[in-house]
Amino acid sequence: MEKEPKIYTLYISKGGAIKTTTVMAMAYGINIVKPNSKILIVDCDFQKNTTSTILGNIQDDMRSTYGVITNKIDINEAIYKTSNPEIDILAGSVMLANVDIELQNKLGKEYRLKEAFKNLKIDYDYIIIDTSVLMSTMVVNALTASTDLIIPARPDQFTLDGLQLLSSSISDIRLYTNPELNIAGILIGYMNDTVLAKDMVKRFEAEAEKLDTKVFSSKVRTNVTVPEAQAMHQSLFEYAPKSKATQGYLDFVKELLGE
């Protein structure tokens, strides 16, 4: 890979925080804002929701992030094409749940995904990584390989607690494996006009200052189109291009890319 792509990992140690939805929306949103860009989605979650949404029920085998991280397959042979010619995907696998055990005694295990990216034959402009909620070997690999972390969040106390726990993990990543990791910002999803939601945004903004980052001005008002799009194996931009959720993601992508 000759280009130096922007590599975004989406992570927070809290489930239900729109990670998978945001990964897909980012890929298809970037494709609209930057139509000539080549994009790779990487599913590092053993639940492989992103993979299932995009590719459907494919065979779970070594042609996956698991095969790449365990050096059983070359990354270039593992990548799938999608219905969009500018967007590819490296599929997830349920076998990723075993990676912590399989690699526990391996030297340099934190750098395997970064090394795989260096061997990519396609020059991707953007790589977008979906992760599980656990600070696992796969999450460490994702953050080590990334230029930027995006923190997806619901405006509630449980997600705020998860954000506070994330701070020490980021410090360790910067200290040991990726000193250049940038926190691009916190994206608020499931946003509404309640007093509680607005108060929670202020609390997130206070936490963002501690992390030397920001809460994105763009907020995502998720609605019924999100699960419907997932069920139809489509991105929001394909399924409901005029919905409030889709518009929120488009605004976020433009803000992220400075457009």
C-alpha atoms as a PDB file:
ATOM      1  CA  MET A   1       0.000   0.000   0.000  1.00  0.00           C
ATOM      2  CA  GLU A   2       1.628   3.221  -1.198  1.00  0.00           C
ATOM      3  CA  LYS A   3      -0.916   5.677   0.181  1.00  0.00           C
ATOM      4  CA  GLU A   4      -1.206   6.508   3.869  1.00  0.00           C
ATOM      5  CA  PRO A   5      -4.943   6.146   4.439  1.00  0.00           C
ATOM      6  CA  LYS A   6      -6.991   7.647   7.210  1.00  0.00           C
ATOM      7  CA  ILE A   7      -7.739   4.714   9.517  1.00  0.00           C
ATOM      8  CA  TYR A   8     -10.705   5.203  11.821  1.00  0.00           C
ATOM      9  CA  THR A   9     -11.525   2.826  14.674  1.00  0.00           C
ATOM     10  CA  LEU A  10     -14.921   3.096  16.342  1.00  0.00           C
ATOM     11  CA  TYR A  11     -14.793   1.992  19.937  1.00  0.00           C
ATOM     12  CA  ILE A  12     -16.363   2.432  23.346  1.00  0.00           C
ATOM     13  CA  SER A  13     -16.663  -0.166  26.098  1.00  0.00           C
ATOM     14  CA  LYS A  14     -20.465  -0.096  26.031  1.00  0.00           C
ATOM     15  CA  GLY A  15     -22.875  -2.098  23.920  1.00  0.00           C
ATOM     16  CA  GLY A  16     -25.710  -0.569  21.913  1.00  0.00           C
ATOM     17  CA  ALA A  17     -23.726   2.577  21.122  1.00  0.00           C
ATOM     18  CA  ILE A  18     -24.376   2.682  17.319  1.00  0.00           C
ATOM     19  CA  LYS A  19     -20.896   1.381  16.438  1.00  0.00           C
ATOM     20  CA  THR A  20     -21.929  -0.902  13.597  1.00  0.00           C
ATOM     21  CA  THR A  21     -24.495   1.530  12.206  1.00  0.00           C
ATOM     22  CA  THR A  22     -21.903   4.302  12.270  1.00  0.00           C
ATOM     23  CA  VAL A  23     -19.219   2.191  10.557  1.00  0.00           C
ATOM     24  CA  MET A  24     -21.531   1.519   7.635  1.00  0.00           C
ATOM     25  CA  ALA A  25     -22.873   5.064   7.524  1.00  0.00           C
ATOM     26  CA  MET A  26     -19.332   6.448   7.486  1.00  0.00           C
ATOM     27  CA  ALA A  27     -18.315   4.245   4.573  1.00  0.00           C
ATOM     28  CA  TYR A  28     -21.325   5.080   2.435  1.00  0.00           C
ATOM     29  CA  GLY A  29     -21.339   8.717   3.562  1.00  0.00           C
ATOM     30  CA  ILE A  30     -17.686   9.164   2.601  1.00  0.00           C
ATOM     31  CA  ASN A  31     -18.525   7.567  -0.741  1.00  0.00           C
ATOM     32  CA  ILE A  32     -21.045  10.377  -1.310  1.00  0.00           C
ATOM     33  CA  VAL A  33     -18.894  13.240  -0.022  1.00  0.00           C
ATOM     34  CA  LYS A  34     -15.674  11.901  -1.600  1.00  0.00           C
ATOM     35  CA  PRO A  35     -17.021   9.826  -4.525  1.00  0.00           C
ATOM     36  CA  ASN A  36     -13.627   8.805  -5.924  1.00  0.00           C
ATOM     37  CA  SER A  37     -12.316   7.484  -2.610  1.00  0.00           C
ATOM     38  CA  LYS A  38     -11.569   3.806  -2.068  1.00  0.00           C
ATOM     39  CA  ILE A  39     -12.865   2.546   1.282  1.00  0.00           C
ATOM     40  CA  LEU A  40     -12.202  -0.626   3.286  1.00  0.00           C
ATOM     41  CA  ILE A  41     -14.458  -1.698   6.149  1.00  0.00           C
ATOM     42  CA  VAL A  42     -12.771  -4.018   8.668  1.00  0.00           C
ATOM     43  CA  ASP A  43     -14.977  -6.043  11.008  1.00  0.00           C
ATOM     44  CA  CYS A  44     -13.003  -6.902  14.152  1.00  0.00           C
ATOM     45  CA  ASP A  45     -16.062  -7.966  16.165  1.00  0.00           C
ATOM     46  CA  PHE A  46     -16.742 -11.661  16.763  1.00  0.00           C
ATOM     47  CA  GLN A  47     -20.471 -10.858  16.606  1.00  0.00           C
ATOM     48  CA  LYS A  48     -19.781  -9.718  13.007  1.00  0.00           C
ATOM     49  CA  ASN A  49     -22.911  -7.567  12.715  1.00  0.00           C
ATOM     50  CA  THR A  50     -21.328  -5.332  10.087  1.00  0.00           C
ATOM     51  CA  THR A  51     -20.392  -8.357   7.992  1.00  0.00           C
ATOM     52  CA  SER A  52     -23.866  -9.882   8.244  1.00  0.00           C
ATOM     53  CA  THR A  53     -25.529  -6.613   7.301  1.00  0.00           C
ATOM     54  CA  ILE A  54     -23.369  -6.047   4.226  1.00  0.00           C
ATOM     55  CA  LEU A  55     -22.687  -9.590   2.993  1.00  0.00           C
ATOM     56  CA  GLY A  56     -25.530 -11.582   4.493  1.00  0.00           C
ATOM     57  CA  ASN A  57     -24.970 -15.106   5.810  1.00  0.00           C
ATOM     58  CA  ILE A  58     -21.557 -15.919   4.343  1.00  0.00           C
ATOM     59  CA  GLN A  59     -19.449 -18.906   5.341  1.00  0.00           C
ATOM     60  CA  ASP A  60     -17.468 -18.321   8.539  1.00  0.00           C
ATOM     61  CA  ASP A  61     -13.920 -19.346   7.657  1.00  0.00           C
ATOM     62  CA  MET A  62     -10.326 -18.144   7.337  1.00  0.00           C
ATOM     63  CA  ARG A  63     -11.313 -15.547   4.753  1.00  0.00           C
ATOM     64  CA  SER A  64     -11.854 -13.072   7.556  1.00  0.00           C
ATOM     65  CA  THR A  65     -10.190 -10.768  10.055  1.00  0.00           C
ATOM     66  CA  TYR A  66      -9.555 -13.874  12.122  1.00  0.00           C
ATOM     67  CA  GLY A  67      -7.588 -15.508   9.305  1.00  0.00           C
ATOM     68  CA  VAL A  68      -5.551 -12.329   8.817  1.00  0.00           C
ATOM     69  CA  ILE A  69      -4.780 -11.731  12.503  1.00  0.00           C
ATOM     70  CA  THR A  70      -3.653 -15.348  12.981  1.00  0.00           C
ATOM     71  CA  ASN A  71      -1.511 -15.249   9.808  1.00  0.00           C
ATOM     72  CA  LYS A  72      -3.524 -18.004   8.154  1.00  0.00           C
ATOM     73  CA  ILE A  73      -4.402 -15.955   5.057  1.00  0.00           C
ATOM     74  CA  ASP A  74      -2.991 -12.953   3.212  1.00  0.00           C
ATOM     75  CA  ILE A  75      -5.155  -9.872   3.720  1.00  0.00           C
ATOM     76  CA  ASN A  76      -5.430  -9.318  -0.025  1.00  0.00           C
ATOM     77  CA  GLU A  77      -6.996 -12.755  -0.457  1.00  0.00           C
ATOM     78  CA  ALA A  78      -9.441 -12.199   2.407  1.00  0.00           C
ATOM     79  CA  ILE A  79     -11.165  -9.017   1.228  1.00  0.00           C
ATOM     80  CA  TYR A  80     -14.711  -9.154  -0.164  1.00  0.00           C
ATOM     81  CA  LYS A  81     -16.211  -6.801  -2.712  1.00  0.00           C
ATOM     82  CA  THR A  82     -19.567  -5.206  -1.869  1.00  0.00           C
ATOM     83  CA  SER A  83     -22.409  -3.968  -4.070  1.00  0.00           C
ATOM     84  CA  ASN A  84     -20.645  -0.579  -4.129  1.00  0.00           C
ATOM     85  CA  PRO A  85     -17.494  -0.759  -6.299  1.00  0.00           C
ATOM     86  CA  GLU A  86     -15.666   1.756  -4.090  1.00  0.00           C
ATOM     87  CA  ILE A  87     -16.316  -0.091  -0.812  1.00  0.00           C
ATOM     88  CA  ASP A  88     -14.691  -3.393   0.207  1.00  0.00           C
ATOM     89  CA  ILE A  89     -14.926  -5.328   3.465  1.00  0.00           C
ATOM     90  CA  LEU A  90     -12.706  -7.594   5.518  1.00  0.00           C
ATOM     91  CA  ALA A  91     -15.261  -9.835   7.178  1.00  0.00           C
ATOM     92  CA  GLY A  92     -15.579 -10.634  10.862  1.00  0.00           C
ATOM     93  CA  SER A  93     -15.743 -14.139  12.315  1.00  0.00           C
ATOM     94  CA  VAL A  94     -17.079 -15.797  15.439  1.00  0.00           C
ATOM     95  CA  MET A  95     -13.585 -17.279  15.781  1.00  0.00           C
ATOM     96  CA  LEU A  96     -12.323 -13.831  16.789  1.00  0.00           C
ATOM     97  CA  ALA A  97     -13.613 -14.676  20.255  1.00  0.00           C
ATOM     98  CA  ASN A  98     -10.632 -17.053  20.594  1.00  0.00           C
ATOM     99  CA  VAL A  99      -7.898 -14.631  19.523  1.00  0.00           C
ATOM    100  CA  ASP A 100      -6.930 -13.547  23.043  1.00  0.00           C
ATOM    101  CA  ILE A 101      -6.134 -17.165  23.938  1.00  0.00           C
ATOM    102  CA  GLU A 102      -4.510 -18.092  20.619  1.00  0.00           C
ATOM    103  CA  LEU A 103      -2.141 -15.121  20.604  1.00  0.00           C
ATOM    104  CA  GLN A 104      -1.506 -14.742  24.334  1.00  0.00           C
ATOM    105  CA  ASN A 105       2.133 -15.874  24.124  1.00  0.00           C
ATOM    106  CA  LYS A 106       2.935 -14.356  20.724  1.00  0.00           C
ATOM    107  CA  LEU A 107       5.419 -11.493  20.528  1.00  0.00           C
ATOM    108  CA  GLY A 108       4.238  -8.399  18.685  1.00  0.00           C
ATOM    109  CA  LYS A 109       0.627  -9.561  18.641  1.00  0.00           C
ATOM    110  CA  GLU A 110      -0.587  -5.952  18.997  1.00  0.00           C
ATOM    111  CA  TYR A 111       0.857  -5.015  15.592  1.00  0.00           C
ATOM    112  CA  ARG A 112      -0.526  -7.756  13.367  1.00  0.00           C
ATOM    113  CA  LEU A 113      -3.360  -5.719  11.882  1.00  0.00           C
ATOM    114  CA  LYS A 114      -1.071  -2.738  11.293  1.00  0.00           C
ATOM    115  CA  GLU A 115       1.399  -5.002   9.497  1.00  0.00           C
ATOM    116  CA  ALA A 116      -1.386  -6.511   7.396  1.00  0.00           C
ATOM    117  CA  PHE A 117      -2.527  -3.049   6.304  1.00  0.00           C
ATOM    118  CA  LYS A 118       0.998  -2.285   5.107  1.00  0.00           C
ATOM    119  CA  ASN A 119       0.744  -5.287   2.766  1.00  0.00           C
ATOM    120  CA  LEU A 120      -2.487  -4.147   1.103  1.00  0.00           C
ATOM    121  CA  LYS A 121      -2.155  -4.072  -2.675  1.00  0.00           C
ATOM    122  CA  ILE A 122      -5.092  -1.695  -3.114  1.00  0.00           C
ATOM    123  CA  ASP A 123      -4.481   1.938  -2.162  1.00  0.00           C
ATOM    124  CA  TYR A 124      -7.386   2.677   0.135  1.00  0.00           C
ATOM    125  CA  ASP A 125      -8.110   6.278   1.083  1.00  0.00           C
ATOM    126  CA  TYR A 126     -10.099   5.333   4.186  1.00  0.00           C
ATOM    127  CA  ILE A 127     -10.157   2.268   6.420  1.00  0.00           C
ATOM    128  CA  ILE A 128     -12.999   2.049   8.949  1.00  0.00           C
ATOM    129  CA  ILE A 129     -12.801  -0.524  11.750  1.00  0.00           C
ATOM    130  CA  ASP A 130     -15.701  -1.948  13.756  1.00  0.00           C
ATOM    131  CA  THR A 131     -14.859  -3.438  17.161  1.00  0.00           C
ATOM    132  CA  SER A 132     -16.367  -5.365  20.038  1.00  0.00           C
ATOM    133  CA  VAL A 133     -17.067  -3.757  23.411  1.00  0.00           C
ATOM    134  CA  LEU A 134     -14.263  -5.626  25.199  1.00  0.00           C
ATOM    135  CA  MET A 135     -10.727  -4.187  25.349  1.00  0.00           C
ATOM    136  CA  SER A 136      -9.420  -7.331  23.656  1.00  0.00           C
ATOM    137  CA  THR A 137      -6.399  -8.171  21.540  1.00  0.00           C
ATOM    138  CA  MET A 138      -8.456  -7.258  18.474  1.00  0.00           C
ATOM    139  CA  VAL A 139      -9.366  -3.824  19.851  1.00  0.00           C
ATOM    140  CA  VAL A 140      -5.724  -3.182  20.768  1.00  0.00           C
ATOM    141  CA  ASN A 141      -4.741  -4.194  17.220  1.00  0.00           C
ATOM    142  CA  ALA A 142      -7.344  -1.831  15.776  1.00  0.00           C
ATOM    143  CA  LEU A 143      -6.244   1.129  17.894  1.00  0.00           C
ATOM    144  CA  THR A 144      -2.574   0.379  17.239  1.00  0.00           C
ATOM    145  CA  ALA A 145      -3.194   0.409  13.482  1.00  0.00           C
ATOM    146  CA  SER A 146      -5.359   3.534  13.492  1.00  0.00           C
ATOM    147  CA  THR A 147      -4.739   7.187  12.867  1.00  0.00           C
ATOM    148  CA  ASP A 148      -7.964   8.207  14.625  1.00  0.00           C
ATOM    149  CA  LEU A 149     -10.442   6.976  17.223  1.00  0.00           C
ATOM    150  CA  ILE A 150     -14.103   7.907  16.949  1.00  0.00           C
ATOM    151  CA  ILE A 151     -16.181   7.321  20.061  1.00  0.00           C
ATOM    152  CA  PRO A 152     -19.866   6.613  19.311  1.00  0.00           C
ATOM    153  CA  ALA A 153     -22.139   7.331  22.254  1.00  0.00           C
ATOM    154  CA  ARG A 154     -25.715   7.328  23.417  1.00  0.00           C
ATOM    155  CA  PRO A 155     -26.645  10.300  25.629  1.00  0.00           C
ATOM    156  CA  ASP A 156     -27.062   8.232  28.800  1.00  0.00           C
ATOM    157  CA  GLN A 157     -25.217   7.598  32.051  1.00  0.00           C
ATOM    158  CA  PHE A 158     -24.089   4.050  31.239  1.00  0.00           C
ATOM    159  CA  THR A 159     -22.351   5.202  28.058  1.00  0.00           C
ATOM    160  CA  LEU A 160     -20.766   8.097  29.957  1.00  0.00           C
ATOM    161  CA  ASP A 161     -19.400   5.581  32.470  1.00  0.00           C
ATOM    162  CA  GLY A 162     -17.925   3.596  29.555  1.00  0.00           C
ATOM    163  CA  LEU A 163     -16.293   6.739  28.215  1.00  0.00           C
ATOM    164  CA  GLN A 164     -14.662   7.441  31.553  1.00  0.00           C
ATOM    165  CA  LEU A 165     -13.221   3.914  31.629  1.00  0.00           C
ATOM    166  CA  LEU A 166     -11.821   4.377  28.119  1.00  0.00           C
ATOM    167  CA  SER A 167      -9.436   7.137  29.163  1.00  0.00           C
ATOM    168  CA  SER A 168      -6.856   4.857  30.811  1.00  0.00           C
ATOM    169  CA  SER A 169      -6.951   2.424  27.886  1.00  0.00           C
ATOM    170  CA  ILE A 170      -6.188   5.210  25.427  1.00  0.00           C
ATOM    171  CA  SER A 171      -3.287   6.336  27.606  1.00  0.00           C
ATOM    172  CA  ASP A 172      -1.845   2.805  27.516  1.00  0.00           C
ATOM    173  CA  ILE A 173      -2.236   2.564  23.737  1.00  0.00           C
ATOM    174  CA  ARG A 174      -0.415   5.854  23.281  1.00  0.00           C
ATOM    175  CA  LEU A 175       2.306   4.816  25.707  1.00  0.00           C
ATOM    176  CA  TYR A 176       3.000   1.330  24.361  1.00  0.00           C
ATOM    177  CA  THR A 177       1.780   0.821  20.788  1.00  0.00           C
ATOM    178  CA  ASN A 178       0.555   3.974  19.043  1.00  0.00           C
ATOM    179  CA  PRO A 179       1.774   7.328  20.385  1.00  0.00           C
ATOM    180  CA  GLU A 180       0.226   9.148  17.413  1.00  0.00           C
ATOM    181  CA  LEU A 181      -3.357   7.962  18.038  1.00  0.00           C
ATOM    182  CA  ASN A 182      -5.713  10.911  17.707  1.00  0.00           C
ATOM    183  CA  ILE A 183      -9.191  11.055  19.234  1.00  0.00           C
ATOM    184  CA  ALA A 184     -11.194  12.615  16.417  1.00  0.00           C
ATOM    185  CA  GLY A 185     -14.236  13.134  18.613  1.00  0.00           C
ATOM    186  CA  ILE A 186     -17.370  11.773  20.248  1.00  0.00           C
ATOM    187  CA  LEU A 187     -20.419  11.184  18.057  1.00  0.00           C
ATOM    188  CA  ILE A 188     -23.759  11.348  19.864  1.00  0.00           C
ATOM    189  CA  GLY A 189     -26.455   9.058  18.490  1.00  0.00           C
ATOM    190  CA  TYR A 190     -30.004   8.301  19.633  1.00  0.00           C
ATOM    191  CA  MET A 191     -30.311  12.036  20.159  1.00  0.00           C
ATOM    192  CA  ASN A 192     -33.640  13.640  21.034  1.00  0.00           C
ATOM    193  CA  ASP A 193     -34.894  16.962  22.368  1.00  0.00           C
ATOM    194  CA  THR A 194     -35.425  15.933  25.987  1.00  0.00           C
ATOM    195  CA  VAL A 195     -33.907  17.911  28.844  1.00  0.00           C
ATOM    196  CA  LEU A 196     -32.040  14.767  29.951  1.00  0.00           C
ATOM    197  CA  ALA A 197     -30.427  14.213  26.548  1.00  0.00           C
ATOM    198  CA  LYS A 198     -29.290  17.829  26.333  1.00  0.00           C
ATOM    199  CA  ASP A 199     -27.868  17.627  29.860  1.00  0.00           C
ATOM    200  CA  MET A 200     -25.998  14.435  28.981  1.00  0.00           C
ATOM    201  CA  VAL A 201     -24.447  16.127  25.949  1.00  0.00           C
ATOM    202  CA  LYS A 202     -23.016  18.781  28.275  1.00  0.00           C
ATOM    203  CA  ARG A 203     -21.553  16.015  30.461  1.00  0.00           C
ATOM    204  CA  PHE A 204     -20.006  14.381  27.398  1.00  0.00           C
ATOM    205  CA  GLU A 205     -18.524  17.715  26.401  1.00  0.00           C
ATOM    206  CA  ALA A 206     -16.897  17.976  29.823  1.00  0.00           C
ATOM    207  CA  GLU A 207     -15.407  14.484  29.434  1.00  0.00           C
ATOM    208  CA  ALA A 208     -14.267  15.341  25.911  1.00  0.00           C
ATOM    209  CA  GLU A 209     -12.207  18.219  27.285  1.00  0.00           C
ATOM    210  CA  LYS A 210     -10.441  15.800  29.639  1.00  0.00           C
ATOM    211  CA  LEU A 211      -9.587  13.625  26.634  1.00  0.00           C
ATOM    212  CA  ASP A 212      -8.437  16.655  24.648  1.00  0.00           C
ATOM    213  CA  THR A 213     -11.098  16.081  22.028  1.00  0.00           C
ATOM    214  CA  LYS A 214     -14.590  17.299  21.178  1.00  0.00           C
ATOM    215  CA  VAL A 215     -18.192  16.244  20.820  1.00  0.00           C
ATOM    216  CA  PHE A 216     -19.107  16.513  17.158  1.00  0.00           C
ATOM    217  CA  SER A 217     -21.631  19.257  16.448  1.00  0.00           C
ATOM    218  CA  SER A 218     -23.555  16.806  14.268  1.00  0.00           C
ATOM    219  CA  LYS A 219     -25.913  14.549  16.229  1.00  0.00           C
ATOM    220  CA  VAL A 220     -27.714  11.462  14.898  1.00  0.00           C
ATOM    221  CA  ARG A 221     -31.422  11.051  15.538  1.00  0.00           C
ATOM    222  CA  THR A 222     -31.786   7.317  15.024  1.00  0.00           C
ATOM    223  CA  ASN A 223     -35.218   5.991  14.112  1.00  0.00           C
ATOM    224  CA  VAL A 224     -36.959   2.931  12.716  1.00  0.00           C
ATOM    225  CA  THR A 225     -35.039   3.171   9.430  1.00  0.00           C
ATOM    226  CA  VAL A 226     -31.851   1.982  11.183  1.00  0.00           C
ATOM    227  CA  PRO A 227     -33.014  -1.590  12.034  1.00  0.00           C
ATOM    228  CA  GLU A 228     -34.996  -1.729   8.798  1.00  0.00           C
ATOM    229  CA  ALA A 229     -31.878  -0.971   6.745  1.00  0.00           C
ATOM    230  CA  GLN A 230     -29.937  -3.641   8.644  1.00  0.00           C
ATOM    231  CA  ALA A 231     -32.671  -6.205   7.961  1.00  0.00           C
ATOM    232  CA  MET A 232     -32.547  -5.352   4.249  1.00  0.00           C
ATOM    233  CA  HIS A 233     -28.707  -5.674   4.193  1.00  0.00           C
ATOM    234  CA  GLN A 234     -28.387  -2.069   3.075  1.00  0.00           C
ATOM    235  CA  SER A 235     -26.768   1.083   4.364  1.00  0.00           C
ATOM    236  CA  LEU A 236     -28.988   3.925   5.507  1.00  0.00           C
ATOM    237  CA  PHE A 237     -27.915   5.863   2.430  1.00  0.00           C
ATOM    238  CA  GLU A 238     -29.275   3.103   0.199  1.00  0.00           C
ATOM    239  CA  TYR A 239     -32.411   2.276   2.202  1.00  0.00           C
ATOM    240  CA  ALA A 240     -33.619   5.644   3.473  1.00  0.00           C
ATOM    241  CA  PRO A 241     -31.535   8.478   1.983  1.00  0.00           C
ATOM    242  CA  LYS A 242     -33.949  11.180   3.191  1.00  0.00           C
ATOM    243  CA  SER A 243     -34.425   9.989   6.775  1.00  0.00           C
ATOM    244  CA  LYS A 244     -33.291  12.107   9.725  1.00  0.00           C
ATOM    245  CA  ALA A 245     -30.786   9.426  10.726  1.00  0.00           C
ATOM    246  CA  THR A 246     -29.209   9.430   7.267  1.00  0.00           C
ATOM    247  CA  GLN A 247     -29.035  13.215   7.186  1.00  0.00           C
ATOM    248  CA  GLY A 248     -27.429  13.212  10.624  1.00  0.00           C
ATOM    249  CA  TYR A 249     -24.736  10.841   9.428  1.00  0.00           C
ATOM    250  CA  LEU A 250     -24.148  12.852   6.268  1.00  0.00           C
ATOM    251  CA  ASP A 251     -23.666  15.983   8.373  1.00  0.00           C
ATOM    252  CA  PHE A 252     -21.277  14.063  10.626  1.00  0.00           C
ATOM    253  CA  VAL A 253     -19.187  12.787   7.700  1.00  0.00           C
ATOM    254  CA  LYS A 254     -18.932  16.302   6.271  1.00  0.00           C
ATOM    255  CA  GLU A 255     -17.869  17.609   9.679  1.00  0.00           C
ATOM    256  CA  LEU A 256     -15.338  14.814  10.093  1.00  0.00           C
ATOM    257  CA  LEU A 257     -13.790  15.425   6.687  1.00  0.00           C
ATOM    258  CA  GLY A 258     -13.949  19.206   6.972  1.00  0.00           C
ATOM    259  CA  GLU A 259     -16.302  19.558   4.021  1.00  0.00           C
END
